[in-house]
Amino acid sequence: MRHLVLAQARAHRGRYVASALAVFVAVAFVVTTLVLGDTVSASVSKSTAARYEGVAAVALPVDSTVAPDEVLTLVATTPGVEAAALDVSGPVRLIGADGSSSNGTATSIAPEGALRWQQLGDGRWPSNPGEVAVGSSSGRAIGDEITVADLMCIRDSPRPPWRSSASSISTDRRSP
């Protein structure tokens, strides 16, 4: 029996090599897919969790008719709360003075302190009505007039034009 198996292996060497190669490639593909999936999952989890690093609790409104400012006031006046900030975000379209536009996400910026998770690259944080901070990938510069359209996340906010006070924001959490 052993003699027959070895004779077949010698006679059809290419078939066995091709089969072994196919198994190797399939296993490599599955392993690569799983590793890539885990890497992406960990990256998304880390970037999502960065804004809540060092935060003891996150309060979410149960009733969608309650304004975010009311929730903030309620949380901030709760005994034992040292700091509270809104974390509101939503889709926007930025339209430059030249008519160019880009899509993005508007995200609230916490007041100074431990709750501000973004890092400022250039310029200064917005401090006046009508000022916004934009990421460096937006293609906008400090002082550019920007029309913010389709702003769905902030109620009763002033409409355009807004002026950029910062041109580079990193979403990596600062070291304390």
Foldseek 3Di string as FASTA:
>chain_A
DVVVVVVVCVVPVVVVVVVVVVVVVVVVVVVVVVVVVVVVVVVVVCLVCLLCVPPPDDDDDPDPVDDQVVVQVVQCPDPPDPDGFDWWKDKKWKAFPVGDIDIDMDTDAGPDDDNGFKDADDFDDDDDAQEHADALVRVDDAFTFIFIPPPDTDPPHDGDGGGYRGNHMGSHGDDD
